Amino acid sequence: MTLWFVFALMTVAAIFAVLWPLGRGGRAENQGSEVAVYKDKLAEIERDLAAGLIAAPEAEAARVEISRRLLAAAGSAPAREPASGLKWRRAAAVLALVGLPLVAIGVYIPLGSPRLEDFPLAQRARGSAPGMGLENLVVQVEQHLEKNPTDGRGWNVLAPVLERLGRFDEAARAYRNSITYNGESAERRSDLGEAISAAAGGVVTAEAKTEFERARALNVDDPKANYFLGIAAEQDGRKDDAATIWRSVLAKAPADAPWRPLVQSALARVGGGTMPALSDDTIAASKDMSEGDRGTMIRGMVERLATRLKQNGDDVDGWLRLVRAYLVMGERDKAMGASSDARQAVANDAGRLRQLNEGLKNLGLDG
């Protein structure tokens, strides 16, 4: 009701703005009649002067005064408006009174939404979140793929975005379409298997395992396929097989591979490796040390890592190395404390937090 009252006030204001200049015409006519009176007075003075009813000096003085008033009235008043102009003013007034409301209603009814409820503040906040950019991208790509379902490149773009948004079932469907229209590759098969596993809560199902085996058949050294096949072996209780798979992966992995710490932590979890926080050179040098010196060196490196992470808490891999180190040293309480500190440090970054939680879960720290 309040909305319609506001609209009514706005309409009245618009009508008044139109009628105001139209209503000034009548006053102009009154001013025009005043000019005519002064002209008659001048003519009367001339008649009185000719008839000798007024002396010449008095006639001149009266003529000057009336002329001054005539000029003032003529300067502030337009010429008398013809009758046709009056008719146009009246027509414009009627149009303003009737036409403006009709036009406003005619435009608002098809375009406006008077019954639309207010947009909740929580949804507005979500609308400004970074994730909304991805959601909009998904909508655009999905609309494109509805019209062009055989566009393999579109499915290739859509699949990882859906996976990042946690829509794993849809991501798996997109990966399948990507394989159908782009062709088979080890990377696409591994990505499909990962999406299937994520949809199953991290369990490498039989379907996911089949995809990883297909990926390894295409590329025996595919790191993702081998990593998840090791996970499958671990989930089946075959820890020795899992360790064998992961050792093979690490033996062929580049030293700077971003996924190397993840595989190292998995290997340590099944008892097939030690803390991977040390470089190869450091490990080689430690072989000549006594057990006590080696332990002191490792503990010092762990402490330095912990100090660095207090200054740079965005390093997810560093946090995982620290937690893993504490677990290897048998200090589970410190590992739990470090995992809590890590979650606080990356709490504002959804991507890093998800990576951290996945790594902690692989280390056996779900809580």
Protein backbone atom coordinates (compact mmCIF):
# COMPACT_ATOMS: atom_id res chain seq x y z
CA MET A 1 0.00 0.00 0.00
CA THR A 2 2.83 2.38 0.86
CA LEU A 3 4.41 1.73 -2.55
CA TRP A 4 1.27 2.75 -4.41
CA PHE A 5 0.90 5.87 -2.23
CA VAL A 6 4.44 6.91 -3.17
CA PHE A 7 3.65 6.33 -6.85
CA ALA A 8 0.51 8.51 -6.51
CA LEU A 9 2.54 11.35 -5.00
CA MET A 10 5.08 11.10 -7.80
CA THR A 11 2.30 11.23 -10.40
CA VAL A 12 0.74 14.31 -8.77
CA ALA A 13 4.15 16.02 -8.73
CA ALA A 14 4.65 15.24 -12.44
CA ILE A 15 1.17 16.59 -13.33
CA PHE A 16 1.76 19.75 -11.29
CA ALA A 17 5.08 20.31 -13.06
CA VAL A 18 3.24 20.20 -16.41
CA LEU A 19 0.22 22.33 -15.39
CA TRP A 20 2.20 25.06 -13.62
CA PRO A 21 3.51 26.82 -16.74
CA LEU A 22 0.16 26.33 -18.47
CA GLY A 23 -1.69 28.14 -15.68
CA ARG A 24 0.47 31.24 -16.03
CA GLY A 25 -1.22 32.18 -19.31
CA GLY A 26 -4.24 33.76 -17.56
CA ARG A 27 -2.09 36.16 -15.59
CA ALA A 28 -0.36 37.17 -18.78
CA GLU A 29 -3.72 38.12 -20.24
CA ASN A 30 -4.52 40.30 -17.21
CA GLN A 31 -1.22 42.08 -17.67
CA GLY A 32 -2.07 42.58 -21.35
CA SER A 33 -5.35 44.32 -20.43
CA GLU A 34 -3.41 46.70 -18.15
CA VAL A 35 -1.35 47.83 -21.17
CA ALA A 36 -4.54 48.58 -23.07
CA VAL A 37 -5.80 50.81 -20.20
CA TYR A 38 -2.60 52.88 -20.24
CA LYS A 39 -2.91 53.35 -24.00
CA ASP A 40 -6.47 54.59 -23.59
CA LYS A 41 -5.30 57.09 -20.96
CA LEU A 42 -2.68 58.48 -23.36
CA ALA A 43 -5.32 58.90 -26.02
CA GLU A 44 -7.61 60.62 -23.49
CA ILE A 45 -4.85 63.08 -22.55
CA GLU A 46 -4.41 63.96 -26.20
CA ARG A 47 -8.15 64.60 -26.56
CA ASP A 48 -8.26 66.78 -23.42
CA LEU A 49 -5.25 68.78 -24.63
CA ALA A 50 -6.89 69.36 -28.03
CA ALA A 51 -10.13 70.45 -26.37
CA GLY A 52 -8.27 72.85 -24.06
CA LEU A 53 -9.41 70.99 -20.95
CA ILE A 54 -5.79 70.61 -19.70
CA ALA A 55 -2.76 72.85 -19.94
CA ALA A 56 0.23 71.77 -22.05
CA PRO A 57 2.69 71.41 -19.08
CA GLU A 58 0.21 69.27 -17.14
CA ALA A 59 -0.53 67.22 -20.25
CA GLU A 60 3.19 66.60 -20.78
CA ALA A 61 3.72 65.55 -17.16
CA ALA A 62 0.75 63.17 -17.28
CA ARG A 63 1.92 61.79 -20.61
CA VAL A 64 5.41 61.06 -19.19
CA GLU A 65 4.03 59.29 -16.11
CA ILE A 66 1.55 57.16 -18.04
CA SER A 67 4.19 56.30 -20.66
CA ARG A 68 6.51 55.09 -17.87
CA ARG A 69 3.80 52.81 -16.47
CA LEU A 70 2.95 51.63 -19.97
CA LEU A 71 6.55 50.66 -20.65
CA ALA A 72 6.76 48.78 -17.31
CA ALA A 73 3.57 46.86 -18.02
CA ALA A 74 4.58 46.12 -21.63
CA GLY A 75 8.02 44.82 -20.53
CA SER A 76 6.55 42.25 -18.11
CA ALA A 77 3.62 41.03 -20.18
CA PRO A 78 3.63 39.08 -23.45
CA ALA A 79 1.23 39.78 -26.19
CA ARG A 80 -2.29 38.53 -25.70
CA GLU A 81 -2.54 34.88 -26.53
CA PRO A 82 -5.00 34.04 -29.29
CA ALA A 83 -7.99 31.82 -28.62
CA SER A 84 -6.34 28.90 -30.41
CA GLY A 85 -3.43 28.99 -27.91
CA LEU A 86 -5.88 28.77 -25.04
CA LYS A 87 -7.42 25.67 -26.59
CA TRP A 88 -4.00 24.01 -26.87
CA ARG A 89 -3.28 24.80 -23.22
CA ARG A 90 -6.53 23.24 -22.12
CA ALA A 91 -5.85 20.15 -24.27
CA ALA A 92 -2.36 19.84 -22.74
CA ALA A 93 -3.83 20.13 -19.24
CA VAL A 94 -6.34 17.35 -19.93
CA LEU A 95 -3.59 15.17 -21.40
CA ALA A 96 -1.43 15.73 -18.31
CA LEU A 97 -4.27 14.89 -15.93
CA VAL A 98 -5.36 11.75 -17.76
CA GLY A 99 -2.51 10.71 -20.04
CA LEU A 100 0.42 10.74 -17.57
CA PRO A 101 -1.15 8.28 -15.08
CA LEU A 102 -2.29 6.01 -17.91
CA VAL A 103 1.14 5.96 -19.53
CA ALA A 104 2.87 5.34 -16.16
CA ILE A 105 0.56 2.42 -15.35
CA GLY A 106 0.88 1.01 -18.86
CA VAL A 107 4.68 0.98 -18.60
CA TYR A 108 4.92 -0.28 -15.00
CA ILE A 109 2.49 -3.22 -15.21
CA PRO A 110 4.51 -5.26 -17.75
CA LEU A 111 7.95 -4.19 -16.46
CA GLY A 112 7.54 -3.65 -12.72
CA SER A 113 7.13 -6.12 -9.89
CA PRO A 114 5.05 -4.45 -7.14
CA ARG A 115 4.65 -7.70 -5.20
CA LEU A 116 8.33 -8.67 -5.32
CA GLU A 117 9.70 -9.13 -1.80
CA ASP A 118 12.82 -7.46 -0.53
CA PHE A 119 16.10 -9.22 -1.39
CA PRO A 120 17.42 -10.72 1.87
CA LEU A 121 20.61 -9.18 3.19
CA ALA A 122 22.27 -12.59 3.53
CA GLN A 123 21.73 -13.28 -0.16
CA ARG A 124 23.12 -9.85 -1.02
CA ALA A 125 26.26 -10.70 0.93
CA ARG A 126 26.55 -13.99 -0.91
CA GLY A 127 26.06 -12.18 -4.17
CA SER A 128 29.22 -10.15 -3.53
CA ALA A 129 31.30 -13.13 -2.59
CA PRO A 130 34.14 -14.25 -4.87
CA GLY A 131 32.35 -17.54 -5.49
CA MET A 132 29.62 -15.73 -7.34
CA GLY A 133 32.03 -15.11 -10.21
CA LEU A 134 32.38 -18.87 -10.68
CA GLU A 135 28.63 -19.40 -10.37
CA ASN A 136 28.02 -16.83 -13.10
CA LEU A 137 30.65 -18.48 -15.28
CA VAL A 138 28.95 -21.85 -14.80
CA VAL A 139 25.57 -20.42 -15.79
CA GLN A 140 27.01 -18.86 -18.93
CA VAL A 141 28.86 -22.00 -19.98
CA GLU A 142 25.83 -24.20 -19.25
CA GLN A 143 23.62 -21.95 -21.37
CA HIS A 144 26.17 -22.19 -24.17
CA LEU A 145 26.34 -25.98 -23.89
CA GLU A 146 22.55 -26.31 -24.01
CA LYS A 147 22.73 -24.85 -27.49
CA ASN A 148 26.03 -26.52 -28.40
CA PRO A 149 26.15 -29.86 -26.53
CA THR A 150 28.98 -31.20 -28.70
CA ASP A 151 31.37 -28.36 -27.80
CA GLY A 152 34.16 -30.37 -26.18
CA ARG A 153 36.09 -27.27 -25.20
CA GLY A 154 33.08 -26.00 -23.26
CA TRP A 155 32.81 -29.26 -21.28
CA ASN A 156 36.57 -29.09 -20.64
CA VAL A 157 36.14 -25.62 -19.12
CA LEU A 158 33.00 -26.45 -17.14
CA ALA A 159 34.15 -29.69 -15.47
CA PRO A 160 36.95 -28.36 -13.18
CA VAL A 161 34.86 -25.33 -12.21
CA LEU A 162 32.00 -27.58 -11.09
CA GLU A 163 34.49 -29.68 -9.14
CA ARG A 164 35.89 -26.62 -7.43
CA LEU A 165 32.35 -25.61 -6.42
CA GLY A 166 31.80 -29.02 -4.86
CA ARG A 167 29.26 -30.14 -7.44
CA PHE A 168 31.03 -33.44 -7.96
CA ASP A 169 28.26 -35.44 -9.66
CA GLU A 170 27.82 -32.69 -12.25
CA ALA A 171 31.59 -32.45 -12.63
CA ALA A 172 31.79 -36.19 -13.35
CA ARG A 173 29.11 -35.82 -16.03
CA ALA A 174 31.03 -32.89 -17.55
CA TYR A 175 34.28 -34.91 -17.58
CA ARG A 176 32.49 -37.77 -19.35
CA ASN A 177 31.22 -35.39 -22.00
CA SER A 178 34.70 -33.91 -22.30
CA ILE A 179 36.09 -37.39 -23.01
CA THR A 180 33.29 -38.06 -25.51
CA TYR A 181 33.83 -34.90 -27.53
CA ASN A 182 37.55 -34.21 -26.95
CA GLY A 183 38.87 -37.75 -27.01
CA GLU A 184 40.45 -39.94 -24.38
CA SER A 185 43.55 -38.97 -22.42
CA ALA A 186 45.17 -40.02 -19.16
CA GLU A 187 44.53 -36.60 -17.64
CA ARG A 188 40.80 -36.63 -18.47
CA ARG A 189 40.37 -40.18 -17.16
CA SER A 190 42.18 -39.25 -13.91
CA ASP A 191 40.07 -36.11 -13.50
CA LEU A 192 36.90 -38.16 -13.98
CA GLY A 193 38.05 -40.71 -11.40
CA GLU A 194 38.85 -37.93 -8.92
CA ALA A 195 35.39 -36.39 -9.36
CA ILE A 196 33.74 -39.78 -8.80
CA SER A 197 35.81 -40.32 -5.65
CA ALA A 198 35.00 -36.84 -4.34
CA ALA A 199 31.28 -37.49 -4.90
CA ALA A 200 31.68 -40.66 -2.80
CA GLY A 201 33.21 -38.71 0.09
CA GLY A 202 36.83 -39.48 -0.78
CA VAL A 203 36.35 -43.23 -1.24
CA VAL A 204 37.91 -44.67 -4.38
CA THR A 205 34.91 -46.66 -5.60
CA ALA A 206 35.09 -49.46 -8.13
CA GLU A 207 33.95 -47.04 -10.83
CA ALA A 208 36.60 -44.50 -9.88
CA LYS A 209 39.29 -47.18 -9.71
CA THR A 210 38.37 -48.27 -13.25
CA GLU A 211 38.93 -44.72 -14.49
CA PHE A 212 42.33 -44.50 -12.77
CA GLU A 213 43.36 -47.84 -14.29
CA ARG A 214 42.32 -46.57 -17.72
CA ALA A 215 44.40 -43.44 -17.14
CA ARG A 216 47.44 -45.50 -16.15
CA ALA A 217 46.97 -47.68 -19.24
CA LEU A 218 47.26 -44.49 -21.31
CA ASN A 219 50.17 -43.13 -19.27
CA VAL A 220 51.85 -45.45 -16.80
CA ASP A 221 53.48 -42.49 -15.01
CA ASP A 222 50.30 -40.38 -14.57
CA PRO A 223 50.79 -39.08 -10.99
CA LYS A 224 47.13 -38.55 -10.14
CA ALA A 225 46.09 -42.02 -11.31
CA ASN A 226 48.89 -43.68 -9.37
CA TYR A 227 48.23 -41.64 -6.24
CA PHE A 228 44.56 -42.63 -6.15
CA LEU A 229 45.33 -46.23 -6.98
CA GLY A 230 47.56 -46.17 -3.90
CA ILE A 231 44.64 -44.72 -1.94
CA ALA A 232 42.45 -47.57 -3.22
CA ALA A 233 45.03 -50.10 -2.04
CA GLU A 234 45.22 -48.41 1.37
CA GLN A 235 41.44 -48.42 1.70
CA ASP A 236 41.43 -52.14 0.89
CA GLY A 237 43.92 -52.72 3.71
CA ARG A 238 46.86 -53.38 1.35
CA LYS A 239 49.26 -50.85 2.84
CA ASP A 240 52.37 -52.53 1.42
CA ASP A 241 50.92 -52.29 -2.08
CA ALA A 242 50.03 -48.64 -1.48
CA ALA A 243 53.57 -47.93 -0.29
CA THR A 244 55.03 -49.64 -3.35
CA ILE A 245 52.90 -47.54 -5.68
CA TRP A 246 53.77 -44.27 -3.95
CA ARG A 247 57.50 -45.04 -3.79
CA SER A 248 57.43 -45.59 -7.54
CA VAL A 249 55.65 -42.27 -8.03
CA LEU A 250 58.19 -40.39 -5.89
CA ALA A 251 61.12 -42.04 -7.64
CA LYS A 252 59.97 -40.58 -10.96
CA ALA A 253 58.64 -37.26 -9.63
CA PRO A 254 60.45 -33.96 -10.23
CA ALA A 255 61.94 -32.46 -7.08
CA ASP A 256 59.69 -29.40 -7.36
CA ALA A 257 56.47 -31.25 -8.18
CA PRO A 258 53.64 -29.46 -6.28
CA TRP A 259 51.95 -32.78 -5.41
CA ARG A 260 55.14 -34.40 -4.07
CA PRO A 261 54.44 -33.52 -0.37
CA LEU A 262 50.98 -35.08 -0.65
CA VAL A 263 52.40 -38.39 -1.87
CA GLN A 264 55.15 -38.25 0.76
CA SER A 265 52.61 -37.75 3.52
CA ALA A 266 50.55 -40.66 2.20
CA LEU A 267 53.65 -42.87 2.17
CA ALA A 268 54.52 -41.85 5.72
CA ARG A 269 50.97 -42.62 6.79
CA VAL A 270 51.25 -46.27 5.76
CA GLY A 271 54.69 -46.56 7.38
CA GLY A 272 56.62 -46.60 4.15
CA GLY A 273 58.55 -43.38 4.52
CA THR A 274 59.94 -40.81 6.93
CA MET A 275 59.31 -37.13 7.37
CA PRO A 276 59.73 -35.44 3.95
CA ALA A 277 60.60 -32.03 5.29
CA LEU A 278 64.32 -32.53 4.72
CA SER A 279 66.10 -32.03 1.42
CA ASP A 280 68.04 -34.87 -0.21
CA ASP A 281 71.34 -33.18 0.66
CA THR A 282 70.34 -32.86 4.30
CA ILE A 283 69.25 -36.48 4.48
CA ALA A 284 72.58 -37.59 2.95
CA ALA A 285 74.52 -35.51 5.45
CA SER A 286 72.52 -36.89 8.36
CA LYS A 287 73.60 -40.47 7.63
CA ASP A 288 76.99 -39.83 9.24
CA MET A 289 75.45 -38.38 12.40
CA SER A 290 74.70 -40.17 15.62
CA GLU A 291 71.07 -40.91 16.41
CA GLY A 292 70.97 -38.11 18.98
CA ASP A 293 72.54 -35.54 16.65
CA ARG A 294 70.20 -36.54 13.86
CA GLY A 295 67.19 -36.12 16.13
CA THR A 296 68.44 -32.72 17.29
CA MET A 297 68.94 -31.59 13.70
CA ILE A 298 65.46 -32.72 12.67
CA ARG A 299 63.84 -31.09 15.69
CA GLY A 300 65.66 -27.84 14.97
CA MET A 301 64.38 -27.85 11.40
CA VAL A 302 60.85 -28.52 12.61
CA GLU A 303 61.07 -25.61 15.04
CA ARG A 304 62.33 -23.31 12.28
CA LEU A 305 59.46 -24.44 10.06
CA ALA A 306 56.98 -23.70 12.86
CA THR A 307 58.48 -20.23 13.34
CA ARG A 308 58.28 -19.48 9.63
CA LEU A 309 54.64 -20.55 9.48
CA LYS A 310 53.77 -18.11 12.26
CA GLN A 311 55.02 -15.35 9.96
CA ASN A 312 53.57 -16.79 6.74
CA GLY A 313 50.43 -18.76 7.52
CA ASP A 314 49.33 -19.08 3.88
CA ASP A 315 51.78 -21.93 3.17
CA VAL A 316 49.46 -24.97 3.23
CA ASP A 317 52.22 -27.39 2.22
CA GLY A 318 54.35 -26.05 5.06
CA TRP A 319 51.57 -26.65 7.58
CA LEU A 320 51.12 -30.20 6.31
CA ARG A 321 54.88 -30.85 6.59
CA LEU A 322 54.84 -29.51 10.15
CA VAL A 323 51.88 -31.66 11.20
CA ARG A 324 53.42 -34.71 9.54
CA ALA A 325 56.74 -34.06 11.29
CA TYR A 326 55.05 -33.95 14.69
CA LEU A 327 53.25 -37.21 13.91
CA VAL A 328 56.50 -38.89 12.84
CA MET A 329 58.15 -37.72 16.07
CA GLY A 330 55.22 -39.14 18.05
CA GLU A 331 54.02 -35.74 19.27
CA ARG A 332 50.34 -36.01 18.35
CA ASP A 333 49.25 -33.18 20.64
CA LYS A 334 51.55 -30.77 18.82
CA ALA A 335 50.26 -32.10 15.51
CA MET A 336 46.68 -31.39 16.59
CA GLY A 337 47.69 -27.90 17.76
CA ALA A 338 49.46 -27.18 14.48
CA SER A 339 46.43 -28.35 12.48
CA SER A 340 44.22 -26.00 14.51
CA ASP A 341 46.62 -23.08 13.94
CA ALA A 342 46.73 -23.91 10.23
CA ARG A 343 42.93 -23.81 9.90
CA GLN A 344 42.83 -20.43 11.59
CA ALA A 345 45.58 -19.09 9.35
CA VAL A 346 43.79 -20.00 6.09
CA ALA A 347 40.20 -19.63 7.31
CA ASN A 348 39.54 -16.72 4.95
CA ASP A 349 40.72 -18.58 1.84
CA ALA A 350 38.26 -21.31 0.85
CA GLY A 351 40.66 -22.91 -1.65
CA ARG A 352 43.57 -23.19 0.79
CA LEU A 353 41.27 -24.38 3.57
CA ARG A 354 39.91 -27.14 1.36
CA GLN A 355 43.48 -28.20 0.40
CA LEU A 356 44.50 -28.16 4.05
CA ASN A 357 41.54 -30.24 5.22
CA GLU A 358 42.19 -32.80 2.49
CA GLY A 359 45.84 -33.08 3.49
CA LEU A 360 44.98 -33.38 7.19
CA LYS A 361 42.43 -36.06 6.37
CA ASN A 362 45.09 -38.02 4.53
CA LEU A 363 47.25 -37.73 7.63
CA GLY A 364 44.44 -39.17 9.75
CA LEU A 365 43.42 -35.87 11.37
CA ASP A 366 39.79 -35.30 10.38
CA GLY A 367 38.73 -33.29 13.43
